[in-house]
Amino acid sequence: MGYTPDEFSKLDLKDILIGDIIIDPIKYAEILAGNAVTLYRQFKRKDGSLIEMEVTAKILSDGNVLAFGRDVTERKKAEEALRKSELYLR
């Protein structure tokens, strides 16, 4: 996302998340139940550009949440291009 580890550690989620912090109540309940849940959200890079992220989150036994994010921006663009091309062919 363009931040140094030190810069990133000082950020709050609201500094980089596009949209509401609130997630779907059903997915939230799944996380609280100890299940890993995958979400798709938009984040803002340091340069202000947007990135599409696939985030998998799980609550740990100590109450902390472990989350892994994967940049799926190019995949989303390719899916949209394919969808448009399929509409064009109809």
Protein backbone atom coordinates (compact mmCIF):
# COMPACT_ATOMS: atom_id res chain seq x y z
CA MET A 1 0.00 0.00 0.00
CA GLY A 2 3.04 2.22 -0.07
CA TYR A 3 3.49 2.79 3.66
CA THR A 4 6.59 1.92 5.63
CA PRO A 5 5.96 -0.51 8.51
CA ASP A 6 6.35 2.40 10.96
CA GLU A 7 3.85 4.57 9.06
CA PHE A 8 1.38 1.69 8.76
CA SER A 9 1.55 0.92 12.49
CA LYS A 10 0.41 4.48 13.25
CA LEU A 11 -2.64 4.32 10.97
CA ASP A 12 -6.17 3.73 12.13
CA LEU A 13 -8.48 1.61 10.00
CA LYS A 14 -10.56 4.68 9.15
CA ASP A 15 -7.44 6.27 7.63
CA ILE A 16 -7.25 3.67 4.86
CA LEU A 17 -10.67 2.00 4.59
CA ILE A 18 -13.08 3.29 1.97
CA GLY A 19 -16.66 3.16 3.22
CA ASP A 20 -18.07 2.18 6.59
CA ILE A 21 -16.05 0.14 9.05
CA ILE A 22 -19.20 -1.85 9.86
CA ILE A 23 -19.37 -5.25 8.16
CA ASP A 24 -22.29 -7.52 7.39
CA PRO A 25 -23.80 -8.71 10.72
CA ILE A 26 -23.80 -12.33 9.55
CA LYS A 27 -20.10 -12.23 8.70
CA TYR A 28 -19.38 -10.46 11.99
CA ALA A 29 -21.19 -13.24 13.88
CA GLU A 30 -19.13 -15.83 11.99
CA ILE A 31 -15.91 -14.08 13.06
CA LEU A 32 -17.09 -13.97 16.69
CA ALA A 33 -17.89 -17.70 16.46
CA GLY A 34 -14.22 -18.33 15.62
CA ASN A 35 -14.65 -18.93 11.92
CA ALA A 36 -12.41 -17.43 9.25
CA VAL A 37 -14.38 -15.03 7.07
CA THR A 38 -13.41 -13.51 3.73
CA LEU A 39 -14.47 -9.95 2.92
CA TYR A 40 -13.87 -7.71 -0.07
CA ARG A 41 -13.17 -4.06 0.71
CA GLN A 42 -11.61 -1.02 -0.90
CA PHE A 43 -8.63 0.65 0.74
CA LYS A 44 -6.67 3.80 0.03
CA ARG A 45 -2.96 3.62 -0.72
CA LYS A 46 -0.50 6.20 0.57
CA ASP A 47 -0.59 7.97 -2.81
CA GLY A 48 -4.40 8.23 -2.60
CA SER A 49 -5.16 5.59 -5.24
CA LEU A 50 -7.65 2.85 -4.44
CA ILE A 51 -6.92 -0.84 -4.05
CA GLU A 52 -9.36 -3.74 -3.98
CA MET A 53 -8.53 -6.11 -1.14
CA GLU A 54 -9.63 -9.61 -0.24
CA VAL A 55 -9.39 -9.77 3.56
CA THR A 56 -9.62 -13.00 5.52
CA ALA A 57 -10.17 -12.44 9.24
CA LYS A 58 -10.45 -14.70 12.27
CA ILE A 59 -10.71 -14.00 15.98
CA LEU A 60 -7.95 -15.54 18.09
CA SER A 61 -8.39 -17.16 21.48
CA ASP A 62 -6.99 -14.03 23.16
CA GLY A 63 -9.68 -11.85 21.55
CA ASN A 64 -7.42 -10.23 18.96
CA VAL A 65 -8.34 -10.45 15.30
CA LEU A 66 -5.88 -11.87 12.81
CA ALA A 67 -6.44 -10.63 9.26
CA PHE A 68 -4.64 -11.24 5.99
CA GLY A 69 -5.15 -9.01 2.99
CA ARG A 70 -4.52 -9.74 -0.65
CA ASP A 71 -4.51 -7.17 -3.46
CA VAL A 72 -7.14 -8.31 -5.95
CA THR A 73 -7.32 -5.05 -7.92
CA GLU A 74 -6.10 -6.56 -11.19
CA ARG A 75 -8.34 -9.61 -10.77
CA LYS A 76 -11.38 -7.37 -10.26
CA LYS A 77 -10.47 -5.33 -13.36
CA ALA A 78 -10.10 -8.52 -15.42
CA GLU A 79 -13.45 -9.85 -14.16
CA GLU A 80 -15.14 -6.57 -15.11
CA ALA A 81 -13.54 -6.60 -18.58
CA LEU A 82 -14.71 -10.20 -19.10
CA ARG A 83 -18.23 -9.32 -17.95
CA LYS A 84 -18.34 -6.37 -20.38
CA SER A 85 -17.03 -8.50 -23.26
CA GLU A 86 -19.67 -11.16 -22.59
CA LEU A 87 -22.39 -8.50 -22.68
CA TYR A 88 -20.98 -7.19 -25.96
CA LEU A 89 -21.08 -10.68 -27.53
CA ARG A 90 -24.76 -11.19 -26.73
